[in-house]
PDB file of N, CA and C in Angstrom:
ATOM      1  N   MET A   1      92.367 153.831 140.269  1.00  0.00           N
ATOM      2  CA  MET A   1      91.694 154.031 139.016  1.00  0.00           C
ATOM      3  C   MET A   1      91.850 155.338 138.110  1.00  0.00           C
ATOM      4  N   PRO A   2      91.335 155.394 136.955  1.00  0.00           N
ATOM      5  CA  PRO A   2      90.875 156.565 135.894  1.00  0.00           C
ATOM      6  C   PRO A   2      89.953 157.089 136.677  1.00  0.00           C
ATOM      7  N   ASP A   3      90.353 158.835 136.324  1.00  0.00           N
ATOM      8  CA  ASP A   3      88.991 160.145 136.753  1.00  0.00           C
ATOM      9  C   ASP A   3      88.304 159.289 135.437  1.00  0.00           C
ATOM     10  N   ARG A   4      87.419 160.305 135.842  1.00  0.00           N
ATOM     11  CA  ARG A   4      85.957 159.776 134.262  1.00  0.00           C
ATOM     12  C   ARG A   4      86.276 160.455 132.978  1.00  0.00           C
ATOM     13  N   ARG A   5      87.229 161.350 133.281  1.00  0.00           N
ATOM     14  CA  ARG A   5      87.803 162.047 132.172  1.00  0.00           C
ATOM     15  C   ARG A   5      88.910 161.434 131.272  1.00  0.00           C
ATOM     16  N   LEU A   6      89.563 160.512 132.027  1.00  0.00           N
ATOM     17  CA  LEU A   6      90.220 159.280 131.360  1.00  0.00           C
ATOM     18  C   LEU A   6      89.521 158.544 130.534  1.00  0.00           C
ATOM     19  N   HIS A   7      88.255 157.806 130.961  1.00  0.00           N
ATOM     20  CA  HIS A   7      86.965 157.217 130.656  1.00  0.00           C
ATOM     21  C   HIS A   7      86.442 157.690 129.394  1.00  0.00           C
ATOM     22  N   LEU A   8      86.281 158.897 129.534  1.00  0.00           N
ATOM     23  CA  LEU A   8      85.283 159.879 128.032  1.00  0.00           C
ATOM     24  C   LEU A   8      86.929 159.634 126.827  1.00  0.00           C
ATOM     25  N   LYS A   9      87.979 160.038 127.767  1.00  0.00           N
ATOM     26  CA  LYS A   9      88.853 159.771 126.228  1.00  0.00           C
ATOM     27  C   LYS A   9      89.059 158.568 125.768  1.00  0.00           C
ATOM     28  N   PHE A  10      88.804 157.155 126.603  1.00  0.00           N
ATOM     29  CA  PHE A  10      89.299 156.496 125.947  1.00  0.00           C
ATOM     30  C   PHE A  10      87.172 155.737 125.325  1.00  0.00           C
ATOM     31  N   ASP A  11      86.463 156.332 125.264  1.00  0.00           N
ATOM     32  CA  ASP A  11      85.326 156.516 125.158  1.00  0.00           C
ATOM     33  C   ASP A  11      85.817 157.383 123.582  1.00  0.00           C
ATOM     34  N   GLU A  12      86.872 158.441 123.417  1.00  0.00           N
ATOM     35  CA  GLU A  12      86.705 158.673 121.882  1.00  0.00           C
ATOM     36  C   GLU A  12      87.149 158.146 121.127  1.00  0.00           C
ATOM     37  N   TYR A  13      88.277 157.066 121.824  1.00  0.00           N
ATOM     38  CA  TYR A  13      89.089 156.333 121.109  1.00  0.00           C
ATOM     39  C   TYR A  13      88.569 155.642 120.305  1.00  0.00           C
ATOM     40  N   LEU A  14      87.905 154.872 121.418  1.00  0.00           N
ATOM     41  CA  LEU A  14      86.517 153.951 120.731  1.00  0.00           C
ATOM     42  C   LEU A  14      85.813 154.157 119.697  1.00  0.00           C
ATOM     43  N   ILE A  15      84.965 155.377 119.490  1.00  0.00           N
ATOM     44  CA  ILE A  15      84.198 156.368 118.622  1.00  0.00           C
ATOM     45  C   ILE A  15      85.531 156.724 117.292  1.00  0.00           C
ATOM     46  N   ASP A  16      86.919 156.694 117.550  1.00  0.00           N
ATOM     47  CA  ASP A  16      87.451 157.091 115.931  1.00  0.00           C
ATOM     48  C   ASP A  16      88.059 155.632 115.789  1.00  0.00           C
ATOM     49  N   HIS A  17      87.892 154.460 116.446  1.00  0.00           N
ATOM     50  CA  HIS A  17      88.252 153.226 115.799  1.00  0.00           C
ATOM     51  C   HIS A  17      86.785 152.608 115.615  1.00  0.00           C
ATOM     52  N   GLY A  18      85.985 152.750 115.043  1.00  0.00           N
ATOM     53  CA  GLY A  18      84.592 152.997 114.793  1.00  0.00           C
ATOM     54  C   GLY A  18      83.958 151.797 115.701  1.00  0.00           C
ATOM     55  N   VAL A  19      84.172 151.514 116.852  1.00  0.00           N
ATOM     56  CA  VAL A  19      84.059 150.421 117.714  1.00  0.00           C
ATOM     57  C   VAL A  19      82.149 151.180 117.931  1.00  0.00           C
ATOM     58  N   VAL A  20      82.151 151.961 118.696  1.00  0.00           N
ATOM     59  CA  VAL A  20      80.860 152.812 118.991  1.00  0.00           C
ATOM     60  C   VAL A  20      80.646 154.111 117.955  1.00  0.00           C
ATOM     61  N   TYR A  21      79.173 154.251 118.177  1.00  0.00           N
ATOM     62  CA  TYR A  21      79.080 155.819 117.281  1.00  0.00           C
ATOM     63  C   TYR A  21      78.832 156.576 118.668  1.00  0.00           C
ATOM     64  N   GLU A  22      78.993 157.630 118.305  1.00  0.00           N
ATOM     65  CA  GLU A  22      79.313 159.257 119.235  1.00  0.00           C
ATOM     66  C   GLU A  22      77.451 158.879 119.758  1.00  0.00           C
ATOM     67  N   ARG A  23      78.042 159.516 121.267  1.00  0.00           N
ATOM     68  CA  ARG A  23      77.175 159.387 121.944  1.00  0.00           C
ATOM     69  C   ARG A  23      77.269 159.717 123.359  1.00  0.00           C
ATOM     70  N   ASP A  24      76.659 160.079 124.653  1.00  0.00           N
ATOM     71  CA  ASP A  24      76.858 160.339 125.958  1.00  0.00           C
ATOM     72  C   ASP A  24      76.973 159.588 126.053  1.00  0.00           C
ATOM     73  N   TYR A  25      77.901 158.483 126.995  1.00  0.00           N
ATOM     74  CA  TYR A  25      78.514 157.053 127.684  1.00  0.00           C
ATOM     75  C   TYR A  25      78.162 157.237 129.239  1.00  0.00           C
ATOM     76  N   ASN A  26      77.912 158.480 129.399  1.00  0.00           N
ATOM     77  CA  ASN A  26      78.298 158.826 131.232  1.00  0.00           C
ATOM     78  C   ASN A  26      77.667 157.579 132.135  1.00  0.00           C
ATOM     79  N   ILE A  27      75.997 157.235 131.341  1.00  0.00           N
ATOM     80  CA  ILE A  27      75.304 155.980 132.313  1.00  0.00           C
ATOM     81  C   ILE A  27      75.738 155.212 132.308  1.00  0.00           C
ATOM     82  N   VAL A  28      76.490 155.154 131.162  1.00  0.00           N
ATOM     83  CA  VAL A  28      77.665 153.726 131.335  1.00  0.00           C
ATOM     84  C   VAL A  28      78.596 153.819 132.834  1.00  0.00           C
ATOM     85  N   HIS A  29      79.439 154.658 132.937  1.00  0.00           N
ATOM     86  CA  HIS A  29      80.453 154.894 133.489  1.00  0.00           C
ATOM     87  C   HIS A  29      79.627 155.320 135.444  1.00  0.00           C
ATOM     88  N   ASP A  30      78.849 156.195 135.032  1.00  0.00           N
ATOM     89  CA  ASP A  30      77.641 156.090 136.373  1.00  0.00           C
ATOM     90  C   ASP A  30      77.460 154.224 136.694  1.00  0.00           C
ATOM     91  N   ARG A  31      76.939 153.633 135.698  1.00  0.00           N
ATOM     92  CA  ARG A  31      76.909 152.132 137.096  1.00  0.00           C
ATOM     93  C   ARG A  31      78.375 151.572 137.329  1.00  0.00           C
ATOM     94  N   MET A  32      79.441 151.933 136.345  1.00  0.00           N
ATOM     95  CA  MET A  32      80.327 151.376 136.796  1.00  0.00           C
ATOM     96  C   MET A  32      81.382 151.877 137.996  1.00  0.00           C
ATOM     97  N   ASP A  33      80.705 153.033 137.886  1.00  0.00           N
ATOM     98  CA  ASP A  33      82.111 154.108 139.196  1.00  0.00           C
ATOM     99  C   ASP A  33      80.753 153.592 140.583  1.00  0.00           C
ATOM    100  N   ARG A  34      79.500 153.287 140.255  1.00  0.00           N
ATOM    101  CA  ARG A  34      78.450 153.453 141.564  1.00  0.00           C
ATOM    102  C   ARG A  34      79.001 153.280 142.575  1.00  0.00           C
ATOM    103  N   ASP A  35      79.486 151.952 143.087  1.00  0.00           N
ATOM    104  CA  ASP A  35      79.988 151.438 144.379  1.00  0.00           C
ATOM    105  C   ASP A  35      81.418 151.851 144.468  1.00  0.00           C
ATOM    106  N   LEU A  36      81.750 153.072 144.075  1.00  0.00           N
ATOM    107  CA  LEU A  36      83.446 153.302 143.972  1.00  0.00           C
ATOM    108  C   LEU A  36      83.667 153.744 145.650  1.00  0.00           C
ATOM    109  N   GLN A  37      82.677 154.837 146.120  1.00  0.00           N
ATOM    110  CA  GLN A  37      83.113 154.978 147.633  1.00  0.00           C
ATOM    111  C   GLN A  37      83.393 153.594 148.487  1.00  0.00           C
ATOM    112  N   ILE A  38      82.396 152.865 148.304  1.00  0.00           N
ATOM    113  CA  ILE A  38      82.056 151.464 149.601  1.00  0.00           C
ATOM    114  C   ILE A  38      83.101 151.045 149.408  1.00  0.00           C
ATOM    115  N   TYR A  39      83.079 150.625 148.173  1.00  0.00           N
ATOM    116  CA  TYR A  39      84.689 149.478 147.685  1.00  0.00           C
ATOM    117  C   TYR A  39      85.578 150.045 147.832  1.00  0.00           C
ATOM    118  N   GLY A  40      85.728 151.735 147.685  1.00  0.00           N
ATOM    119  CA  GLY A  40      87.685 151.964 147.617  1.00  0.00           C
ATOM    120  C   GLY A  40      88.162 151.829 146.203  1.00  0.00           C
ATOM    121  N   HIS A  41      89.396 153.047 145.609  1.00  0.00           N
ATOM    122  CA  HIS A  41      89.500 152.655 144.759  1.00  0.00           C
ATOM    123  C   HIS A  41      90.162 151.422 144.015  1.00  0.00           C
ATOM    124  N   TRP A  42      91.009 150.689 144.994  1.00  0.00           N
ATOM    125  CA  TRP A  42      91.944 149.435 144.973  1.00  0.00           C
ATOM    126  C   TRP A  42      90.610 148.559 144.777  1.00  0.00           C
ATOM    127  N   ASN A  43      90.244 148.180 145.605  1.00  0.00           N
ATOM    128  CA  ASN A  43      89.291 147.118 146.081  1.00  0.00           C
ATOM    129  C   ASN A  43      87.983 146.889 144.698  1.00  0.00           C
ATOM    130  N   HIS A  44      87.688 148.212 144.273  1.00  0.00           N
ATOM    131  CA  HIS A  44      86.195 148.203 143.118  1.00  0.00           C
ATOM    132  C   HIS A  44      85.742 147.589 142.330  1.00  0.00           C
ATOM    133  N   ARG A  45      87.282 146.911 141.488  1.00  0.00           N
ATOM    134  CA  ARG A  45      87.112 146.866 140.279  1.00  0.00           C
ATOM    135  C   ARG A  45      86.614 144.591 141.310  1.00  0.00           C
ATOM    136  N   TYR A  46      87.649 144.058 141.922  1.00  0.00           N
ATOM    137  CA  TYR A  46      87.308 143.196 142.640  1.00  0.00           C
ATOM    138  C   TYR A  46      85.838 143.190 143.161  1.00  0.00           C
ATOM    139  N   GLU A  47      85.342 144.126 143.856  1.00  0.00           N
ATOM    140  CA  GLU A  47      84.591 143.696 145.004  1.00  0.00           C
ATOM    141  C   GLU A  47      82.859 144.110 144.594  1.00  0.00           C
ATOM    142  N   ASP A  48      83.161 145.088 143.289  1.00  0.00           N
ATOM    143  CA  ASP A  48      81.591 145.330 142.590  1.00  0.00           C
ATOM    144  C   ASP A  48      81.159 144.527 141.501  1.00  0.00           C
ATOM    145  N   TYR A  49      80.387 144.186 141.957  1.00  0.00           N
ATOM    146  CA  TYR A  49      79.618 143.001 141.054  1.00  0.00           C
ATOM    147  C   TYR A  49      79.438 143.699 139.593  1.00  0.00           C
ATOM    148  N   TYR A  50      78.793 144.871 139.317  1.00  0.00           N
ATOM    149  CA  TYR A  50      78.760 145.572 138.033  1.00  0.00           C
ATOM    150  C   TYR A  50      80.296 145.739 137.715  1.00  0.00           C
ATOM    151  N   HIS A  51      81.256 145.136 138.137  1.00  0.00           N
ATOM    152  CA  HIS A  51      82.608 145.239 137.434  1.00  0.00           C
ATOM    153  C   HIS A  51      82.973 144.296 137.160  1.00  0.00           C
ATOM    154  N   ASN A  52      82.196 143.468 136.419  1.00  0.00           N
ATOM    155  CA  ASN A  52      83.050 141.951 135.529  1.00  0.00           C
ATOM    156  C   ASN A  52      81.804 141.890 134.718  1.00  0.00           C
ATOM    157  N   ILE A  53      82.150 140.937 133.319  1.00  0.00           N
ATOM    158  CA  ILE A  53      81.344 140.785 132.469  1.00  0.00           C
ATOM    159  C   ILE A  53      79.845 140.470 133.107  1.00  0.00           C
ATOM    160  N   ASN A  54      79.902 139.301 134.317  1.00  0.00           N
ATOM    161  CA  ASN A  54      78.764 138.816 134.312  1.00  0.00           C
ATOM    162  C   ASN A  54      77.259 139.975 134.441  1.00  0.00           C
ATOM    163  N   GLY A  55      78.274 140.853 135.428  1.00  0.00           N
ATOM    164  CA  GLY A  55      77.644 142.181 135.950  1.00  0.00           C
ATOM    165  C   GLY A  55      76.801 142.857 134.834  1.00  0.00           C
ATOM    166  N   ILE A  56      78.010 142.753 133.906  1.00  0.00           N
ATOM    167  CA  ILE A  56      77.531 144.350 132.757  1.00  0.00           C
ATOM    168  C   ILE A  56      76.352 143.006 132.208  1.00  0.00           C
ATOM    169  N   ARG A  57      76.495 141.693 132.185  1.00  0.00           N
ATOM    170  CA  ARG A  57      75.292 141.443 131.430  1.00  0.00           C
ATOM    171  C   ARG A  57      73.864 141.274 131.462  1.00  0.00           C
ATOM    172  N   ASP A  58      74.256 141.493 132.807  1.00  0.00           N
ATOM    173  CA  ASP A  58      72.667 141.526 133.826  1.00  0.00           C
ATOM    174  C   ASP A  58      72.078 142.886 134.043  1.00  0.00           C
ATOM    175  N   TRP A  59      73.148 144.334 133.925  1.00  0.00           N
ATOM    176  CA  TRP A  59      72.821 145.415 134.219  1.00  0.00           C
ATOM    177  C   TRP A  59      72.204 145.700 132.285  1.00  0.00           C
ATOM    178  N   ILE A  60      72.963 145.680 131.365  1.00  0.00           N
ATOM    179  CA  ILE A  60      72.193 145.175 130.142  1.00  0.00           C
ATOM    180  C   ILE A  60      70.911 145.027 129.794  1.00  0.00           C
ATOM    181  N   ARG A  61      70.883 143.834 129.948  1.00  0.00           N
ATOM    182  CA  ARG A  61      70.167 142.992 130.200  1.00  0.00           C
ATOM    183  C   ARG A  61      68.775 143.351 130.534  1.00  0.00           C
ATOM    184  N   SER A  62      68.465 143.729 132.149  1.00  0.00           N
ATOM    185  CA  SER A  62      67.805 144.875 132.225  1.00  0.00           C
ATOM    186  C   SER A  62      67.335 146.286 131.332  1.00  0.00           C
ATOM    187  N   TRP A  63      68.253 146.333 130.875  1.00  0.00           N
ATOM    188  CA  TRP A  63      67.839 147.554 129.806  1.00  0.00           C
ATOM    189  C   TRP A  63      66.925 147.433 128.534  1.00  0.00           C
ATOM    190  N   SER A  64      67.046 146.221 128.413  1.00  0.00           N
ATOM    191  CA  SER A  64      66.789 145.577 127.167  1.00  0.00           C
ATOM    192  C   SER A  64      65.557 145.771 126.597  1.00  0.00           C
ATOM    193  N   HIS A  65      64.448 146.604 127.590  1.00  0.00           N
ATOM    194  CA  HIS A  65      63.372 146.614 127.081  1.00  0.00           C
ATOM    195  C   HIS A  65      63.019 148.146 126.852  1.00  0.00           C
ATOM    196  N   LEU A  66      63.713 148.685 126.936  1.00  0.00           N
ATOM    197  CA  LEU A  66      64.226 150.633 127.242  1.00  0.00           C
ATOM    198  C   LEU A  66      64.992 150.951 125.456  1.00  0.00           C
ATOM    199  N   GLY A  67      65.517 150.071 125.328  1.00  0.00           N
ATOM    200  CA  GLY A  67      66.705 150.562 123.995  1.00  0.00           C
ATOM    201  C   GLY A  67      66.409 149.636 122.877  1.00  0.00           C
ATOM    202  N   TYR A  68      67.281 150.349 122.101  1.00  0.00           N
ATOM    203  CA  TYR A  68      67.537 149.331 120.378  1.00  0.00           C
ATOM    204  C   TYR A  68      68.523 148.202 120.679  1.00  0.00           C
ATOM    205  N   GLN A  69      68.683 147.205 120.082  1.00  0.00           N
ATOM    206  CA  GLN A  69      70.195 146.466 120.160  1.00  0.00           C
ATOM    207  C   GLN A  69      71.401 147.761 120.055  1.00  0.00           C
ATOM    208  N   GLU A  70      71.287 147.726 118.770  1.00  0.00           N
ATOM    209  CA  GLU A  70      72.699 148.613 118.362  1.00  0.00           C
ATOM    210  C   GLU A  70      72.928 149.595 119.495  1.00  0.00           C
ATOM    211  N   THR A  71      72.185 150.470 120.730  1.00  0.00           N
ATOM    212  CA  THR A  71      72.329 151.361 121.538  1.00  0.00           C
ATOM    213  C   THR A  71      72.823 150.102 122.541  1.00  0.00           C
ATOM    214  N   LEU A  72      72.253 149.385 123.066  1.00  0.00           N
ATOM    215  CA  LEU A  72      72.888 147.819 124.211  1.00  0.00           C
ATOM    216  C   LEU A  72      74.338 147.728 123.846  1.00  0.00           C
ATOM    217  N   THR A  73      73.668 147.457 122.486  1.00  0.00           N
ATOM    218  CA  THR A  73      75.416 146.849 121.692  1.00  0.00           C
ATOM    219  C   THR A  73      76.858 148.144 122.503  1.00  0.00           C
ATOM    220  N   HIS A  74      76.357 149.288 122.105  1.00  0.00           N
ATOM    221  CA  HIS A  74      77.317 150.041 122.327  1.00  0.00           C
ATOM    222  C   HIS A  74      77.548 150.139 123.926  1.00  0.00           C
ATOM    223  N   TYR A  75      76.958 150.552 124.953  1.00  0.00           N
ATOM    224  CA  TYR A  75      76.637 150.070 126.005  1.00  0.00           C
ATOM    225  C   TYR A  75      77.665 149.361 126.721  1.00  0.00           C
ATOM    226  N   VAL A  76      77.311 147.614 126.021  1.00  0.00           N
ATOM    227  CA  VAL A  76      78.291 147.113 126.606  1.00  0.00           C
ATOM    228  C   VAL A  76      80.086 147.238 126.293  1.00  0.00           C
ATOM    229  N   ARG A  77      80.230 147.224 124.583  1.00  0.00           N
ATOM    230  CA  ARG A  77      81.106 147.719 124.368  1.00  0.00           C
ATOM    231  C   ARG A  77      81.817 148.889 125.555  1.00  0.00           C
ATOM    232  N   VAL A  78      81.006 149.717 125.634  1.00  0.00           N
ATOM    233  CA  VAL A  78      82.075 151.116 126.703  1.00  0.00           C
ATOM    234  C   VAL A  78      82.206 150.405 127.791  1.00  0.00           C
ATOM    235  N   ALA A  79      81.361 149.621 128.767  1.00  0.00           N
ATOM    236  CA  ALA A  79      81.214 148.865 129.423  1.00  0.00           C
ATOM    237  C   ALA A  79      82.794 148.192 129.866  1.00  0.00           C
ATOM    238  N   LEU A  80      82.917 147.421 129.118  1.00  0.00           N
ATOM    239  CA  LEU A  80      84.285 146.566 128.752  1.00  0.00           C
ATOM    240  C   LEU A  80      85.175 147.052 128.282  1.00  0.00           C
ATOM    241  N   GLY A  81      84.937 148.290 127.942  1.00  0.00           N
ATOM    242  CA  GLY A  81      86.191 149.331 128.013  1.00  0.00           C
ATOM    243  C   GLY A  81      86.454 150.167 129.079  1.00  0.00           C
ATOM    244  N   HIS A  82      85.658 150.097 129.836  1.00  0.00           N
ATOM    245  CA  HIS A  82      86.138 150.506 131.094  1.00  0.00           C
ATOM    246  C   HIS A  82      87.072 149.346 132.210  1.00  0.00           C
ATOM    247  N   LEU A  83      86.388 148.691 131.954  1.00  0.00           N
ATOM    248  CA  LEU A  83      86.869 147.204 132.919  1.00  0.00           C
ATOM    249  C   LEU A  83      89.005 147.310 132.328  1.00  0.00           C
ATOM    250  N   VAL A  84      88.965 147.398 130.758  1.00  0.00           N
ATOM    251  CA  VAL A  84      89.999 147.599 130.596  1.00  0.00           C
ATOM    252  C   VAL A  84      90.705 148.413 131.058  1.00  0.00           C
ATOM    253  N   LEU A  85      90.510 149.732 130.887  1.00  0.00           N
ATOM    254  CA  LEU A  85      91.087 150.535 130.676  1.00  0.00           C
ATOM    255  C   LEU A  85      91.211 150.875 132.735  1.00  0.00           C
ATOM    256  N   ASP A  86      90.324 150.241 133.232  1.00  0.00           N
ATOM    257  CA  ASP A  86      90.619 150.350 134.681  1.00  0.00           C
ATOM    258  C   ASP A  86      92.063 149.120 134.664  1.00  0.00           C
ATOM    259  N   GLU A  87      92.100 147.888 134.500  1.00  0.00           N
ATOM    260  CA  GLU A  87      92.876 146.952 134.761  1.00  0.00           C
ATOM    261  C   GLU A  87      93.844 147.603 134.345  1.00  0.00           C
ATOM    262  N   MET A  88      94.392 147.584 132.776  1.00  0.00           N
ATOM    263  CA  MET A  88      95.261 148.281 132.704  1.00  0.00           C
ATOM    264  C   MET A  88      96.384 149.617 133.570  1.00  0.00           C
ATOM    265  N   TRP A  89      95.460 150.716 133.848  1.00  0.00           N
ATOM    266  CA  TRP A  89      95.840 151.747 134.913  1.00  0.00           C
ATOM    267  C   TRP A  89      96.613 150.619 135.792  1.00  0.00           C
ATOM    268  N   SER A  90      95.820 149.680 136.328  1.00  0.00           N
ATOM    269  CA  SER A  90      96.278 149.683 138.140  1.00  0.00           C
ATOM    270  C   SER A  90      97.396 148.190 137.945  1.00  0.00           C
ATOM    271  N   GLU A  91      97.700 148.025 136.849  1.00  0.00           N
ATOM    272  CA  GLU A  91      98.170 146.835 136.654  1.00  0.00           C
ATOM    273  C   GLU A  91      99.849 147.190 135.909  1.00  0.00           C
ATOM    274  N   TYR A  92      99.752 148.555 135.333  1.00  0.00           N
ATOM    275  CA  TYR A  92     101.049 149.109 134.641  1.00  0.00           C
ATOM    276  C   TYR A  92     101.341 149.994 134.365  1.00  0.00           C
ATOM    277  N   GLU A  93     102.502 150.429 134.290  1.00  0.00           N
ATOM    278  CA  GLU A  93     102.984 152.131 134.180  1.00  0.00           C
ATOM    279  C   GLU A  93     103.361 152.687 132.698  1.00  0.00           C
ATOM    280  N   TYR A  94     102.580 153.876 132.975  1.00  0.00           N
ATOM    281  CA  TYR A  94     102.829 154.068 131.319  1.00  0.00           C
ATOM    282  C   TYR A  94     103.529 155.807 131.525  1.00  0.00           C
ATOM    283  N   GLU A  95     103.860 156.174 130.475  1.00  0.00           N
ATOM    284  CA  GLU A  95     104.649 157.408 130.529  1.00  0.00           C
ATOM    285  C   GLU A  95     103.784 158.462 130.277  1.00  0.00           C
ATOM    286  N   ASN A  96     102.516 157.973 129.470  1.00  0.00           N
ATOM    287  CA  ASN A  96     101.680 159.138 129.349  1.00  0.00           C
ATOM    288  C   ASN A  96      99.966 158.718 129.234  1.00  0.00           C
ATOM    289  N   GLU A  97      99.510 159.318 129.496  1.00  0.00           N
ATOM    290  CA  GLU A  97      97.787 158.949 129.088  1.00  0.00           C
ATOM    291  C   GLU A  97      97.295 158.394 127.724  1.00  0.00           C
ATOM    292  N   TYR A  98      98.070 159.533 126.593  1.00  0.00           N
ATOM    293  CA  TYR A  98      98.088 158.374 125.508  1.00  0.00           C
ATOM    294  C   TYR A  98      98.763 156.678 125.460  1.00  0.00           C
ATOM    295  N   GLU A  99      99.422 156.567 125.828  1.00  0.00           N
ATOM    296  CA  GLU A  99     100.529 155.463 125.729  1.00  0.00           C
ATOM    297  C   GLU A  99      99.563 154.393 126.872  1.00  0.00           C
ATOM    298  N   LEU A 100      98.461 155.093 127.297  1.00  0.00           N
ATOM    299  CA  LEU A 100      97.479 153.622 128.241  1.00  0.00           C
ATOM    300  C   LEU A 100      96.658 153.307 127.277  1.00  0.00           C
ATOM    301  N   ILE A 101      96.194 154.666 127.259  1.00  0.00           N
ATOM    302  CA  ILE A 101      94.574 154.249 126.205  1.00  0.00           C
ATOM    303  C   ILE A 101      95.130 153.196 124.894  1.00  0.00           C
ATOM    304  N   LYS A 102      96.357 153.926 124.396  1.00  0.00           N
ATOM    305  CA  LYS A 102      96.801 152.873 122.941  1.00  0.00           C
ATOM    306  C   LYS A 102      96.322 151.358 123.476  1.00  0.00           C
ATOM    307  N   SER A 103      97.848 151.169 124.553  1.00  0.00           N
ATOM    308  CA  SER A 103      97.780 149.692 125.517  1.00  0.00           C
ATOM    309  C   SER A 103      96.446 148.898 125.269  1.00  0.00           C
ATOM    310  N   ALA A 104      95.104 150.392 126.239  1.00  0.00           N
ATOM    311  CA  ALA A 104      94.033 149.635 126.951  1.00  0.00           C
ATOM    312  C   ALA A 104      93.494 148.895 125.512  1.00  0.00           C
ATOM    313  N   TYR A 105      93.449 149.850 124.502  1.00  0.00           N
ATOM    314  CA  TYR A 105      92.997 149.648 122.976  1.00  0.00           C
ATOM    315  C   TYR A 105      93.546 147.761 122.853  1.00  0.00           C
ATOM    316  N   ARG A 106      94.482 147.887 122.471  1.00  0.00           N
ATOM    317  CA  ARG A 106      95.588 146.683 122.357  1.00  0.00           C
ATOM    318  C   ARG A 106      94.772 145.573 122.940  1.00  0.00           C
ATOM    319  N   SER A 107      94.729 145.778 123.755  1.00  0.00           N
ATOM    320  CA  SER A 107      94.521 144.473 125.071  1.00  0.00           C
ATOM    321  C   SER A 107      92.888 144.683 125.002  1.00  0.00           C
ATOM    322  N   TYR A 108      92.076 145.433 124.130  1.00  0.00           N
ATOM    323  CA  TYR A 108      90.186 145.750 124.095  1.00  0.00           C
ATOM    324  C   TYR A 108      90.515 144.798 123.139  1.00  0.00           C
ATOM    325  N   ALA A 109      90.896 144.922 121.806  1.00  0.00           N
ATOM    326  CA  ALA A 109      90.702 144.544 120.241  1.00  0.00           C
ATOM    327  C   ALA A 109      91.468 142.968 120.596  1.00  0.00           C
ATOM    328  N   GLN A 110      92.319 142.812 121.463  1.00  0.00           N
ATOM    329  CA  GLN A 110      92.917 141.278 121.297  1.00  0.00           C
ATOM    330  C   GLN A 110      91.700 140.582 122.170  1.00  0.00           C
ATOM    331  N   ARG A 111      91.150 140.828 123.672  1.00  0.00           N
ATOM    332  CA  ARG A 111      89.634 139.768 123.678  1.00  0.00           C
ATOM    333  C   ARG A 111      88.864 139.903 122.869  1.00  0.00           C
ATOM    334  N   GLY A 112      88.669 140.447 121.513  1.00  0.00           N
ATOM    335  CA  GLY A 112      87.346 140.672 120.996  1.00  0.00           C
ATOM    336  C   GLY A 112      86.011 141.619 121.171  1.00  0.00           C
ATOM    337  N   PHE A 113      86.368 142.254 122.051  1.00  0.00           N
ATOM    338  CA  PHE A 113      85.315 143.025 122.962  1.00  0.00           C
ATOM    339  C   PHE A 113      84.632 144.575 121.640  1.00  0.00           C
ATOM    340  N   GLY A 114      85.582 144.533 120.683  1.00  0.00           N
ATOM    341  CA  GLY A 114      84.709 145.485 120.027  1.00  0.00           C
ATOM    342  C   GLY A 114      83.750 144.918 118.715  1.00  0.00           C
ATOM    343  N   ARG A 115      84.081 143.231 119.470  1.00  0.00           N
ATOM    344  CA  ARG A 115      83.004 142.723 118.719  1.00  0.00           C
ATOM    345  C   ARG A 115      81.790 142.090 118.995  1.00  0.00           C
ATOM    346  N   CYS A 116      81.809 142.493 120.383  1.00  0.00           N
ATOM    347  CA  CYS A 116      80.606 141.971 120.900  1.00  0.00           C
ATOM    348  C   CYS A 116      79.282 142.717 120.759  1.00  0.00           C
ATOM    349  N   PHE A 117      78.009 141.744 121.092  1.00  0.00           N
ATOM    350  CA  PHE A 117      77.210 142.273 120.628  1.00  0.00           C
ATOM    351  C   PHE A 117      76.380 141.537 121.836  1.00  0.00           C
ATOM    352  N   PHE A 118      75.003 142.968 121.890  1.00  0.00           N
ATOM    353  CA  PHE A 118      74.071 142.653 122.668  1.00  0.00           C
ATOM    354  C   PHE A 118      72.554 141.734 122.677  1.00  0.00           C
ATOM    355  N   ARG A 119      72.731 140.970 123.188  1.00  0.00           N
ATOM    356  CA  ARG A 119      71.650 139.997 122.316  1.00  0.00           C
ATOM    357  C   ARG A 119      70.752 139.038 123.863  1.00  0.00           C
ATOM    358  N   GLU A 120      69.809 139.142 123.994  1.00  0.00           N
ATOM    359  CA  GLU A 120      68.783 138.531 124.416  1.00  0.00           C
ATOM    360  C   GLU A 120      69.118 137.111 124.755  1.00  0.00           C
TER     361      GLU A 120
END
């Protein structure tokens, strides 16, 4: 799995492309990686409930009373970006980090994740 630094670089890429606004998204990555030690690097994305769309939806829904819809929408988009980056990193080889990020963004956009919205 990519390290936190690479996830934060992907967040910057999403910010640069207008998908999310600039803010600290560490809380999202903390939740996505919380059980990494339990499941290990290779099983984490398959075993951790919060490493799939339904888990993300439930986690963000539990925060609905604490945030604005726009903020929660951006959390959803960043969490989906986390999933895509993990998937691309584990399934393909890239010459460098920038190629990985570009490829992950292409996959992210093709899936329509940049247009996802949080709604209760």
